[in-house]
N, C-alpha and C. Protein backbone atom coordinates (compact mmCIF):
# COMPACT_ATOMS: atom_id res chain seq x y z
N MET A 1 141.25 78.28 74.01
CA MET A 1 142.32 79.04 74.66
C MET A 1 143.32 79.56 73.63
N GLN A 2 143.66 78.69 72.66
CA GLN A 2 144.61 79.07 71.63
C GLN A 2 144.05 80.19 70.75
N LYS A 3 142.70 80.11 70.46
CA LYS A 3 142.06 81.12 69.65
C LYS A 3 142.11 82.47 70.36
N GLU A 4 141.86 82.49 71.69
CA GLU A 4 141.92 83.72 72.46
C GLU A 4 143.33 84.30 72.44
N SER A 5 144.34 83.45 72.53
CA SER A 5 145.73 83.89 72.52
C SER A 5 146.07 84.58 71.20
N ARG A 6 145.59 84.00 70.10
CA ARG A 6 145.82 84.62 68.79
C ARG A 6 145.14 85.98 68.71
N LYS A 7 143.97 86.08 69.30
CA LYS A 7 143.22 87.33 69.29
C LYS A 7 143.97 88.41 70.06
N VAL A 8 144.52 88.02 71.20
CA VAL A 8 145.30 88.96 72.01
C VAL A 8 146.53 89.41 71.25
N ARG A 9 147.21 88.46 70.61
CA ARG A 9 148.41 88.81 69.85
C ARG A 9 148.09 89.76 68.71
N GLU A 10 146.97 89.53 68.04
CA GLU A 10 146.57 90.39 66.93
C GLU A 10 146.22 91.78 67.45
N PHE A 11 145.56 91.85 68.61
CA PHE A 11 145.21 93.14 69.21
C PHE A 11 146.47 93.93 69.51
N ARG A 12 147.47 93.27 70.10
CA ARG A 12 148.72 93.95 70.44
C ARG A 12 149.49 94.36 69.19
N ARG A 13 149.46 93.51 68.18
CA ARG A 13 150.16 93.84 66.93
C ARG A 13 149.54 95.08 66.29
N ARG A 14 148.22 95.13 66.26
CA ARG A 14 147.54 96.27 65.67
C ARG A 14 147.81 97.54 66.49
N GLU A 15 147.81 97.39 67.79
CA GLU A 15 148.09 98.54 68.67
C GLU A 15 149.48 99.10 68.41
N GLN A 16 150.47 98.21 68.26
CA GLN A 16 151.83 98.67 67.98
C GLN A 16 151.92 99.31 66.62
N GLU A 17 151.16 98.80 65.66
CA GLU A 17 151.14 99.39 64.32
C GLU A 17 150.58 100.80 64.38
N ILE A 18 149.55 101.00 65.19
CA ILE A 18 148.97 102.34 65.36
C ILE A 18 150.01 103.28 65.97
N LEU A 19 150.70 102.82 67.00
CA LEU A 19 151.72 103.64 67.66
C LEU A 19 152.86 103.99 66.70
N ASP A 20 153.34 103.00 65.97
CA ASP A 20 154.45 103.24 65.03
C ASP A 20 154.04 104.23 63.94
N THR A 21 152.83 104.08 63.45
CA THR A 21 152.34 104.97 62.40
C THR A 21 152.14 106.38 62.94
N ALA A 22 151.57 106.48 64.13
CA ALA A 22 151.36 107.80 64.74
C ALA A 22 152.69 108.51 64.95
N LEU A 23 153.69 107.79 65.45
CA LEU A 23 155.00 108.39 65.67
C LEU A 23 155.59 108.91 64.36
N ARG A 24 155.50 108.12 63.32
CA ARG A 24 156.04 108.53 62.02
C ARG A 24 155.34 109.79 61.53
N LEU A 25 154.02 109.82 61.64
CA LEU A 25 153.26 110.99 61.17
C LEU A 25 153.55 112.23 62.02
N PHE A 26 153.66 112.05 63.33
CA PHE A 26 153.97 113.18 64.21
C PHE A 26 155.32 113.79 63.83
N LEU A 27 156.29 112.92 63.53
CA LEU A 27 157.63 113.39 63.17
C LEU A 27 157.64 114.06 61.80
N GLU A 28 156.87 113.52 60.88
CA GLU A 28 156.87 114.04 59.51
C GLU A 28 156.04 115.33 59.37
N GLN A 29 154.90 115.38 60.05
CA GLN A 29 153.95 116.47 59.80
C GLN A 29 153.68 117.35 61.02
N GLY A 30 154.18 116.96 62.18
CA GLY A 30 153.88 117.71 63.39
C GLY A 30 152.63 117.17 64.05
N GLU A 31 152.68 117.00 65.36
CA GLU A 31 151.57 116.35 66.05
C GLU A 31 150.26 117.13 65.94
N ASP A 32 150.32 118.45 65.84
CA ASP A 32 149.09 119.24 65.77
C ASP A 32 148.37 119.06 64.44
N SER A 33 149.12 118.71 63.40
CA SER A 33 148.53 118.56 62.07
C SER A 33 147.95 117.16 61.85
N VAL A 34 148.31 116.23 62.71
CA VAL A 34 147.90 114.83 62.53
C VAL A 34 146.62 114.56 63.32
N THR A 35 145.62 114.02 62.63
CA THR A 35 144.36 113.67 63.28
C THR A 35 144.27 112.16 63.46
N VAL A 36 143.33 111.73 64.30
CA VAL A 36 143.09 110.31 64.49
C VAL A 36 142.68 109.67 63.16
N GLU A 37 141.89 110.41 62.37
CA GLU A 37 141.47 109.89 61.06
C GLU A 37 142.69 109.63 60.17
N MET A 38 143.67 110.53 60.19
CA MET A 38 144.86 110.36 59.37
C MET A 38 145.64 109.11 59.79
N ILE A 39 145.74 108.89 61.10
CA ILE A 39 146.44 107.70 61.59
C ILE A 39 145.70 106.45 61.13
N ALA A 40 144.37 106.47 61.26
CA ALA A 40 143.57 105.32 60.86
C ALA A 40 143.72 105.03 59.38
N ASP A 41 143.70 106.07 58.56
CA ASP A 41 143.85 105.90 57.11
C ASP A 41 145.20 105.28 56.76
N GLU A 42 146.26 105.75 57.43
CA GLU A 42 147.61 105.22 57.17
C GLU A 42 147.71 103.74 57.55
N VAL A 43 147.06 103.37 58.64
CA VAL A 43 147.10 101.98 59.08
C VAL A 43 146.18 101.11 58.22
N GLY A 44 145.16 101.75 57.66
CA GLY A 44 144.20 101.00 56.84
C GLY A 44 143.06 100.44 57.66
N ILE A 45 142.66 101.17 58.68
CA ILE A 45 141.56 100.74 59.55
C ILE A 45 140.59 101.91 59.72
N GLY A 46 139.45 101.65 60.32
CA GLY A 46 138.49 102.71 60.59
C GLY A 46 138.88 103.50 61.83
N LYS A 47 138.36 104.73 61.89
CA LYS A 47 138.64 105.57 63.05
C LYS A 47 138.18 104.91 64.34
N GLY A 48 137.05 104.22 64.27
CA GLY A 48 136.51 103.56 65.46
C GLY A 48 137.46 102.51 66.02
N THR A 49 138.22 101.87 65.14
CA THR A 49 139.16 100.85 65.60
C THR A 49 140.27 101.48 66.45
N ILE A 50 140.69 102.69 66.08
CA ILE A 50 141.69 103.40 66.88
C ILE A 50 141.20 103.55 68.32
N TYR A 51 139.90 103.90 68.45
CA TYR A 51 139.35 104.15 69.78
C TYR A 51 139.12 102.87 70.59
N LYS A 52 139.24 101.73 69.96
CA LYS A 52 139.22 100.47 70.71
C LYS A 52 140.55 100.28 71.45
N HIS A 53 141.59 100.95 70.96
CA HIS A 53 142.92 100.84 71.55
C HIS A 53 143.27 102.05 72.41
N PHE A 54 142.86 103.23 71.97
CA PHE A 54 143.25 104.47 72.66
C PHE A 54 142.04 105.39 72.79
N LYS A 55 141.89 106.01 73.96
CA LYS A 55 140.76 106.89 74.21
C LYS A 55 140.88 108.21 73.46
N SER A 56 142.10 108.65 73.23
CA SER A 56 142.31 109.96 72.61
C SER A 56 143.72 110.03 72.04
N LYS A 57 143.99 111.12 71.33
CA LYS A 57 145.33 111.34 70.81
C LYS A 57 146.32 111.54 71.96
N ALA A 58 145.84 112.14 73.05
CA ALA A 58 146.69 112.34 74.22
C ALA A 58 147.18 111.00 74.78
N GLU A 59 146.33 110.00 74.73
CA GLU A 59 146.75 108.68 75.21
C GLU A 59 147.82 108.09 74.29
N ILE A 60 147.71 108.35 73.00
CA ILE A 60 148.74 107.89 72.06
C ILE A 60 150.06 108.59 72.39
N TYR A 61 149.99 109.91 72.65
CA TYR A 61 151.19 110.65 73.04
C TYR A 61 151.87 109.97 74.23
N LEU A 62 151.08 109.70 75.25
CA LEU A 62 151.65 109.18 76.50
C LEU A 62 152.16 107.75 76.34
N ARG A 63 151.48 106.96 75.53
CA ARG A 63 151.99 105.61 75.29
C ARG A 63 153.35 105.64 74.61
N LEU A 64 153.52 106.55 73.66
CA LEU A 64 154.81 106.68 72.98
C LEU A 64 155.89 107.08 73.98
N MET A 65 155.57 108.03 74.86
CA MET A 65 156.55 108.48 75.85
C MET A 65 156.84 107.40 76.89
N LEU A 66 155.82 106.67 77.29
CA LEU A 66 156.01 105.57 78.25
C LEU A 66 156.91 104.49 77.66
N ASP A 67 156.67 104.14 76.40
CA ASP A 67 157.49 103.12 75.75
C ASP A 67 158.95 103.57 75.65
N TYR A 68 159.14 104.86 75.40
CA TYR A 68 160.49 105.42 75.31
C TYR A 68 161.22 105.28 76.64
N GLU A 69 160.55 105.63 77.74
CA GLU A 69 161.17 105.52 79.05
C GLU A 69 161.37 104.06 79.46
N ARG A 70 160.46 103.20 79.05
CA ARG A 70 160.63 101.77 79.34
C ARG A 70 161.83 101.20 78.57
N ASP A 71 162.02 101.67 77.36
CA ASP A 71 163.19 101.23 76.59
C ASP A 71 164.48 101.63 77.31
N LEU A 72 164.49 102.85 77.89
CA LEU A 72 165.66 103.27 78.66
C LEU A 72 165.85 102.38 79.88
N ALA A 73 164.75 102.05 80.55
CA ALA A 73 164.82 101.18 81.73
C ALA A 73 165.41 99.82 81.35
N THR A 74 164.98 99.28 80.21
CA THR A 74 165.52 97.99 79.75
C THR A 74 167.01 98.10 79.51
N LEU A 75 167.44 99.21 78.90
CA LEU A 75 168.86 99.43 78.64
C LEU A 75 169.65 99.49 79.95
N LEU A 76 169.13 100.24 80.92
CA LEU A 76 169.85 100.43 82.19
C LEU A 76 170.01 99.13 82.96
N HIS A 77 169.08 98.20 82.76
CA HIS A 77 169.14 96.92 83.46
C HIS A 77 169.70 95.81 82.57
N SER A 78 170.29 96.18 81.46
CA SER A 78 170.82 95.18 80.53
C SER A 78 172.07 94.51 81.08
N GLU A 79 172.39 93.37 80.53
CA GLU A 79 173.59 92.63 80.96
C GLU A 79 174.85 93.44 80.69
N THR A 80 174.84 94.22 79.61
CA THR A 80 176.01 95.04 79.28
C THR A 80 176.36 95.99 80.41
N ILE A 81 175.33 96.67 80.93
CA ILE A 81 175.55 97.63 82.01
C ILE A 81 175.90 96.91 83.31
N GLU A 82 175.25 95.78 83.55
CA GLU A 82 175.53 95.03 84.78
C GLU A 82 176.97 94.55 84.81
N ARG A 83 177.48 94.17 83.62
CA ARG A 83 178.86 93.67 83.55
C ARG A 83 179.88 94.80 83.57
N ASP A 84 179.52 95.92 82.94
CA ASP A 84 180.49 97.01 82.76
C ASP A 84 179.82 98.33 83.09
N LYS A 85 179.96 98.77 84.33
CA LYS A 85 179.33 100.01 84.78
C LYS A 85 179.87 101.23 84.02
N GLU A 86 181.10 101.14 83.51
CA GLU A 86 181.67 102.26 82.78
C GLU A 86 180.97 102.48 81.44
N ALA A 87 180.26 101.45 80.98
CA ALA A 87 179.53 101.59 79.71
C ALA A 87 178.25 102.40 79.88
N LEU A 88 177.87 102.67 81.13
CA LEU A 88 176.60 103.35 81.40
C LEU A 88 176.52 104.70 80.70
N SER A 89 177.56 105.54 80.87
CA SER A 89 177.52 106.89 80.31
C SER A 89 177.32 106.87 78.80
N ARG A 90 178.13 106.07 78.11
CA ARG A 90 178.04 106.04 76.65
C ARG A 90 176.67 105.52 76.20
N GLN A 91 176.18 104.47 76.86
CA GLN A 91 174.88 103.91 76.49
C GLN A 91 173.76 104.92 76.73
N TYR A 92 173.85 105.65 77.85
CA TYR A 92 172.82 106.64 78.17
C TYR A 92 172.80 107.76 77.12
N PHE A 93 173.98 108.32 76.82
CA PHE A 93 174.04 109.41 75.85
C PHE A 93 173.64 108.92 74.46
N ALA A 94 174.06 107.73 74.11
CA ALA A 94 173.69 107.19 72.79
C ALA A 94 172.17 107.05 72.69
N PHE A 95 171.54 106.60 73.75
CA PHE A 95 170.08 106.43 73.75
C PHE A 95 169.38 107.77 73.61
N ARG A 96 169.78 108.74 74.43
CA ARG A 96 169.09 110.02 74.46
C ARG A 96 169.35 110.86 73.21
N MET A 97 170.53 110.72 72.61
CA MET A 97 170.91 111.61 71.53
C MET A 97 170.87 110.96 70.14
N SER A 98 170.48 109.70 70.09
CA SER A 98 170.51 108.99 68.81
C SER A 98 169.42 109.46 67.84
N ASP A 99 168.33 110.02 68.40
CA ASP A 99 167.21 110.45 67.56
C ASP A 99 166.72 111.81 68.04
N PRO A 100 167.40 112.90 67.63
CA PRO A 100 167.04 114.25 68.11
C PRO A 100 165.60 114.65 67.80
N ASP A 101 165.07 114.21 66.67
CA ASP A 101 163.71 114.59 66.31
C ASP A 101 162.70 113.95 67.27
N ARG A 102 162.92 112.70 67.62
CA ARG A 102 162.00 112.04 68.55
C ARG A 102 162.11 112.64 69.94
N TYR A 103 163.35 112.97 70.36
CA TYR A 103 163.55 113.60 71.67
C TYR A 103 162.78 114.92 71.74
N ARG A 104 162.91 115.72 70.70
CA ARG A 104 162.23 117.02 70.68
C ARG A 104 160.72 116.84 70.67
N LEU A 105 160.23 115.87 69.89
CA LEU A 105 158.79 115.60 69.83
C LEU A 105 158.26 115.26 71.22
N PHE A 106 158.92 114.34 71.91
CA PHE A 106 158.43 113.92 73.22
C PHE A 106 158.48 115.05 74.23
N ASP A 107 159.45 115.93 74.09
CA ASP A 107 159.55 117.09 74.97
C ASP A 107 158.32 117.99 74.78
N ARG A 108 157.93 118.19 73.52
CA ARG A 108 156.74 118.99 73.23
C ARG A 108 155.47 118.30 73.72
N LEU A 109 155.38 117.00 73.46
CA LEU A 109 154.17 116.26 73.83
C LEU A 109 153.94 116.28 75.33
N GLU A 110 155.02 116.15 76.08
CA GLU A 110 154.86 116.15 77.54
C GLU A 110 154.32 117.50 78.01
N GLU A 111 154.84 118.57 77.44
CA GLU A 111 154.36 119.89 77.83
C GLU A 111 152.87 120.03 77.53
N LYS A 112 152.43 119.49 76.40
CA LYS A 112 151.02 119.58 76.03
C LYS A 112 150.13 118.83 77.02
N VAL A 113 150.47 117.58 77.32
CA VAL A 113 149.58 116.77 78.16
C VAL A 113 149.61 117.22 79.61
N VAL A 114 150.76 117.70 80.08
CA VAL A 114 150.85 118.18 81.46
C VAL A 114 150.06 119.47 81.62
N LYS A 115 150.22 120.40 80.68
CA LYS A 115 149.50 121.68 80.76
C LYS A 115 147.99 121.48 80.69
N SER A 116 147.56 120.53 79.89
CA SER A 116 146.13 120.31 79.72
C SER A 116 145.56 119.36 80.77
N SER A 117 146.43 118.84 81.63
CA SER A 117 146.00 117.92 82.72
C SER A 117 145.27 116.70 82.18
N GLN A 118 145.71 116.23 81.02
CA GLN A 118 145.08 115.06 80.42
C GLN A 118 145.75 113.78 80.93
N MET A 119 144.95 112.73 81.09
CA MET A 119 145.44 111.39 81.45
C MET A 119 146.37 111.43 82.67
N PRO A 120 145.90 111.95 83.82
CA PRO A 120 146.79 112.08 84.98
C PRO A 120 147.39 110.76 85.46
N GLU A 121 146.63 109.67 85.35
CA GLU A 121 147.16 108.37 85.79
C GLU A 121 148.35 107.95 84.94
N MET A 122 148.27 108.19 83.64
CA MET A 122 149.38 107.82 82.77
C MET A 122 150.58 108.74 82.99
N ILE A 123 150.32 110.01 83.30
CA ILE A 123 151.41 110.93 83.61
C ILE A 123 152.12 110.48 84.88
N ASP A 124 151.34 110.05 85.88
CA ASP A 124 151.94 109.53 87.11
C ASP A 124 152.78 108.29 86.81
N GLN A 125 152.29 107.44 85.91
CA GLN A 125 153.04 106.25 85.53
C GLN A 125 154.36 106.62 84.85
N LEU A 126 154.30 107.64 83.99
CA LEU A 126 155.51 108.12 83.32
C LEU A 126 156.53 108.62 84.34
N HIS A 127 156.06 109.40 85.29
CA HIS A 127 156.95 109.94 86.32
C HIS A 127 157.51 108.84 87.21
N HIS A 128 156.71 107.81 87.44
CA HIS A 128 157.17 106.68 88.26
C HIS A 128 158.32 105.95 87.56
N ILE A 129 158.18 105.71 86.26
CA ILE A 129 159.24 105.03 85.51
C ILE A 129 160.49 105.89 85.49
N ARG A 130 160.31 107.20 85.30
CA ARG A 130 161.45 108.12 85.30
C ARG A 130 162.15 108.11 86.66
N ALA A 131 161.37 108.12 87.73
CA ALA A 131 161.96 108.10 89.08
C ALA A 131 162.74 106.82 89.30
N SER A 132 162.21 105.71 88.79
CA SER A 132 162.90 104.43 88.92
C SER A 132 164.21 104.45 88.13
N ASN A 133 164.16 105.01 86.91
CA ASN A 133 165.38 105.12 86.11
C ASN A 133 166.41 106.02 86.80
N PHE A 134 165.91 107.13 87.36
CA PHE A 134 166.80 108.06 88.06
C PHE A 134 167.47 107.37 89.26
N ASN A 135 166.68 106.64 90.03
CA ASN A 135 167.23 105.96 91.21
C ASN A 135 168.26 104.91 90.81
N HIS A 136 167.98 104.20 89.72
CA HIS A 136 168.93 103.18 89.27
C HIS A 136 170.22 103.84 88.78
N LEU A 137 170.07 104.89 87.99
CA LEU A 137 171.25 105.59 87.47
C LEU A 137 172.10 106.18 88.60
N THR A 138 171.45 106.84 89.54
CA THR A 138 172.22 107.45 90.62
C THR A 138 172.86 106.38 91.50
N GLY A 139 172.23 105.21 91.58
CA GLY A 139 172.84 104.11 92.33
C GLY A 139 174.14 103.64 91.68
N VAL A 140 174.10 103.50 90.35
CA VAL A 140 175.31 103.09 89.62
C VAL A 140 176.37 104.19 89.72
N ILE A 141 175.94 105.44 89.60
CA ILE A 141 176.87 106.57 89.70
C ILE A 141 177.54 106.57 91.08
N GLN A 142 176.75 106.33 92.13
CA GLN A 142 177.31 106.32 93.48
C GLN A 142 178.37 105.23 93.64
N GLU A 143 178.14 104.08 93.02
CA GLU A 143 179.13 103.00 93.05
C GLU A 143 180.44 103.47 92.45
N ARG A 144 180.36 104.19 91.34
CA ARG A 144 181.57 104.67 90.67
C ARG A 144 182.25 105.79 91.48
N ILE A 145 181.45 106.57 92.19
CA ILE A 145 182.02 107.57 93.09
C ILE A 145 182.79 106.88 94.21
N ASP A 146 182.17 105.86 94.79
CA ASP A 146 182.79 105.11 95.88
C ASP A 146 184.08 104.41 95.44
N GLU A 147 184.11 104.05 94.15
CA GLU A 147 185.32 103.39 93.62
C GLU A 147 186.41 104.40 93.27
N GLY A 148 186.09 105.70 93.40
CA GLY A 148 187.07 106.73 93.07
C GLY A 148 187.15 107.06 91.60
N LYS A 149 186.15 106.62 90.81
CA LYS A 149 186.17 106.86 89.37
C LYS A 149 185.55 108.21 89.00
N LEU A 150 184.59 108.67 89.81
CA LEU A 150 183.91 109.94 89.54
C LEU A 150 184.11 110.89 90.71
N GLU A 151 183.97 112.17 90.41
CA GLU A 151 184.12 113.17 91.46
C GLU A 151 183.14 112.92 92.60
N ASP A 152 183.62 113.17 93.82
CA ASP A 152 182.81 112.90 95.01
C ASP A 152 181.88 114.08 95.29
N VAL A 153 180.80 114.12 94.54
CA VAL A 153 179.73 115.09 94.73
C VAL A 153 178.44 114.28 94.80
N PRO A 154 177.32 114.87 95.22
CA PRO A 154 176.07 114.11 95.21
C PRO A 154 175.84 113.45 93.85
N ALA A 155 175.42 112.20 93.86
CA ALA A 155 175.27 111.45 92.61
C ALA A 155 174.34 112.15 91.63
N TYR A 156 173.33 112.83 92.16
CA TYR A 156 172.40 113.49 91.25
C TYR A 156 173.05 114.65 90.49
N PHE A 157 174.17 115.20 91.02
CA PHE A 157 174.89 116.22 90.26
C PHE A 157 175.31 115.66 88.91
N HIS A 158 175.86 114.46 88.92
CA HIS A 158 176.33 113.82 87.69
C HIS A 158 175.15 113.58 86.74
N TYR A 159 174.05 113.07 87.30
CA TYR A 159 172.89 112.76 86.47
C TYR A 159 172.31 114.03 85.86
N CYS A 160 172.14 115.07 86.69
CA CYS A 160 171.55 116.32 86.20
C CYS A 160 172.46 117.00 85.17
N ALA A 161 173.77 116.88 85.36
CA ALA A 161 174.71 117.45 84.39
C ALA A 161 174.56 116.72 83.05
N ALA A 162 174.38 115.41 83.10
CA ALA A 162 174.19 114.63 81.87
C ALA A 162 172.89 115.05 81.18
N TRP A 163 171.82 115.21 81.97
CA TRP A 163 170.54 115.63 81.39
C TRP A 163 170.67 117.02 80.75
N ALA A 164 171.37 117.93 81.45
CA ALA A 164 171.54 119.29 80.93
C ALA A 164 172.30 119.28 79.62
N LEU A 165 173.31 118.44 79.52
CA LEU A 165 174.09 118.34 78.28
C LEU A 165 173.21 117.85 77.14
N VAL A 166 172.44 116.80 77.40
CA VAL A 166 171.55 116.25 76.37
C VAL A 166 170.51 117.27 75.95
N HIS A 167 169.86 117.91 76.93
CA HIS A 167 168.79 118.84 76.61
C HIS A 167 169.33 120.04 75.83
N GLY A 168 170.49 120.53 76.25
CA GLY A 168 171.11 121.64 75.53
C GLY A 168 171.51 121.25 74.13
N ALA A 169 172.03 120.04 73.97
CA ALA A 169 172.43 119.56 72.65
C ALA A 169 171.23 119.47 71.72
N MET A 170 170.09 118.99 72.24
CA MET A 170 168.89 118.88 71.41
C MET A 170 168.37 120.26 71.01
N ALA A 171 168.44 121.22 71.94
CA ALA A 171 167.99 122.58 71.62
C ALA A 171 168.85 123.19 70.52
N MET A 172 170.17 123.01 70.63
CA MET A 172 171.07 123.54 69.61
C MET A 172 170.85 122.84 68.27
N TYR A 173 170.65 121.54 68.31
CA TYR A 173 170.46 120.76 67.10
C TYR A 173 169.29 121.29 66.27
N HIS A 174 168.23 121.76 66.97
CA HIS A 174 167.04 122.21 66.26
C HIS A 174 166.94 123.72 66.14
N SER A 175 167.91 124.45 66.65
CA SER A 175 167.89 125.91 66.53
C SER A 175 168.18 126.33 65.09
N PRO A 176 167.36 127.21 64.52
CA PRO A 176 167.61 127.67 63.13
C PRO A 176 169.01 128.24 62.96
N PHE A 177 169.48 129.00 63.95
CA PHE A 177 170.83 129.57 63.85
C PHE A 177 171.89 128.48 63.84
N TRP A 178 171.81 127.57 64.84
CA TRP A 178 172.84 126.54 64.95
C TRP A 178 172.72 125.49 63.86
N GLN A 179 171.53 125.38 63.25
CA GLN A 179 171.39 124.48 62.10
C GLN A 179 172.38 124.86 61.00
N GLU A 180 172.60 126.16 60.82
CA GLU A 180 173.52 126.63 59.79
C GLU A 180 174.98 126.51 60.23
N VAL A 181 175.22 126.71 61.52
CA VAL A 181 176.59 126.66 62.04
C VAL A 181 177.12 125.24 62.08
N ILE A 182 176.27 124.31 62.58
CA ILE A 182 176.72 122.92 62.76
C ILE A 182 176.49 122.16 61.46
N GLU A 183 177.51 122.12 60.63
CA GLU A 183 177.39 121.45 59.33
C GLU A 183 177.39 119.93 59.48
N ASP A 184 178.26 119.42 60.37
CA ASP A 184 178.36 117.98 60.58
C ASP A 184 177.60 117.61 61.85
N LYS A 185 176.29 117.40 61.72
CA LYS A 185 175.45 117.17 62.90
C LYS A 185 175.76 115.82 63.56
N GLU A 186 176.00 114.79 62.77
CA GLU A 186 176.33 113.49 63.34
C GLU A 186 177.65 113.55 64.09
N GLY A 187 178.63 114.22 63.50
CA GLY A 187 179.92 114.37 64.16
C GLY A 187 179.80 115.16 65.45
N TYR A 188 178.94 116.18 65.42
CA TYR A 188 178.70 117.01 66.60
C TYR A 188 178.12 116.16 67.74
N MET A 189 177.16 115.30 67.40
CA MET A 189 176.55 114.45 68.42
C MET A 189 177.57 113.46 68.99
N ARG A 190 178.41 112.91 68.15
CA ARG A 190 179.45 111.99 68.64
C ARG A 190 180.41 112.73 69.56
N PHE A 191 180.78 113.96 69.18
CA PHE A 191 181.68 114.77 69.98
C PHE A 191 181.09 115.04 71.36
N LEU A 192 179.80 115.42 71.40
CA LEU A 192 179.15 115.69 72.67
C LEU A 192 179.01 114.42 73.52
N THR A 193 178.76 113.30 72.86
CA THR A 193 178.69 112.04 73.60
C THR A 193 180.02 111.74 74.26
N ASP A 194 181.12 111.96 73.53
CA ASP A 194 182.45 111.74 74.10
C ASP A 194 182.68 112.66 75.30
N ILE A 195 182.23 113.91 75.20
CA ILE A 195 182.35 114.84 76.33
C ILE A 195 181.55 114.33 77.52
N GLY A 196 180.32 113.89 77.24
CA GLY A 196 179.46 113.38 78.30
C GLY A 196 180.06 112.18 79.02
N VAL A 197 180.68 111.31 78.26
CA VAL A 197 181.30 110.11 78.85
C VAL A 197 182.43 110.50 79.80
N ARG A 198 183.19 111.55 79.45
CA ARG A 198 184.32 111.97 80.29
C ARG A 198 183.90 112.92 81.42
N MET A 199 182.71 113.48 81.30
CA MET A 199 182.26 114.49 82.26
C MET A 199 182.20 113.93 83.68
N GLY A 200 182.83 114.63 84.61
CA GLY A 200 182.81 114.20 86.01
C GLY A 200 183.80 113.11 86.33
N ASN A 201 184.64 112.77 85.35
CA ASN A 201 185.65 111.73 85.57
C ASN A 201 186.73 112.27 86.51
N LYS A 202 186.91 111.61 87.64
CA LYS A 202 187.82 112.13 88.67
C LYS A 202 189.27 112.16 88.19
N SER A 203 189.73 111.10 87.54
CA SER A 203 191.12 111.05 87.10
C SER A 203 191.40 112.11 86.05
N LYS A 204 190.41 112.39 85.18
CA LYS A 204 190.57 113.43 84.15
C LYS A 204 190.72 114.81 84.81
N ARG A 205 189.88 115.11 85.79
CA ARG A 205 189.97 116.41 86.47
C ARG A 205 191.28 116.53 87.24
N LYS A 206 191.72 115.40 87.81
CA LYS A 206 192.97 115.40 88.57
C LYS A 206 194.15 115.73 87.67
N LYS A 207 194.17 115.11 86.47
CA LYS A 207 195.25 115.37 85.52
C LYS A 207 195.24 116.82 85.07
N ASP A 208 194.04 117.36 84.83
CA ASP A 208 193.94 118.75 84.37
C ASP A 208 194.40 119.73 85.42
N SER A 209 194.24 119.39 86.71
CA SER A 209 194.60 120.32 87.76
C SER A 209 196.08 120.24 88.14
N GLU A 210 196.76 119.16 87.76
CA GLU A 210 198.16 118.97 88.15
C GLU A 210 199.07 120.07 87.64
N PRO A 211 198.99 120.50 86.35
CA PRO A 211 199.88 121.57 85.89
C PRO A 211 199.71 122.85 86.69
N ALA A 212 198.47 123.19 87.04
CA ALA A 212 198.22 124.42 87.80
C ALA A 212 198.82 124.31 89.19
N GLU A 213 198.72 123.12 89.81
CA GLU A 213 199.27 122.92 91.14
C GLU A 213 200.80 122.99 91.10
N GLN A 214 201.36 122.39 90.05
CA GLN A 214 202.85 122.40 89.94
C GLN A 214 203.35 123.82 89.68
N ALA A 215 202.58 124.59 88.87
CA ALA A 215 203.00 125.96 88.58
C ALA A 215 202.95 126.81 89.84
N GLY A 216 201.97 126.49 90.72
CA GLY A 216 201.87 127.26 91.97
C GLY A 216 202.97 126.91 92.91
């Protein structure tokens, strides 16, 4: 029994090594330029060993995306968020915007696998995890709306606005034009995170509207 357990642990360790190596190569060289043979060579194993873990490169793509969404799910259910719901916004933006290159890669990979209709079961699994994350997030947002902390609009408005901010920020980050304009990219991301944290804050909007009401 102990020998089998070691075998399972070694299998999982090797699988994670393949995933980590594939991610690094995709980021460095572009996913279209990276072959299964290249991943195998970097790990120091034969190509056949890769196929013991993954049926295709598309499955590697989806495993990376699934792990990314699972990491977000773990964050959303963490003790930090459970204790302090106000920490949700900052944690969410920090997670999504901390690695712009990985965010952009996964955005491209999803478009590839969805368009090619590859691995439909894994795509369904990805969407299921996303739906669960969405439901959890909107539940926490609704609690803050009920407490009078956020504007009283459908909870998904807040979530979709956050997604739009992140997606737009990633597009600008990688735009050739904005690459030249935004000299301090780290500072820019921190600035946008601060905006995201305040976005939809009821007390902030109330304060901003008071001068206009008094002037009227």
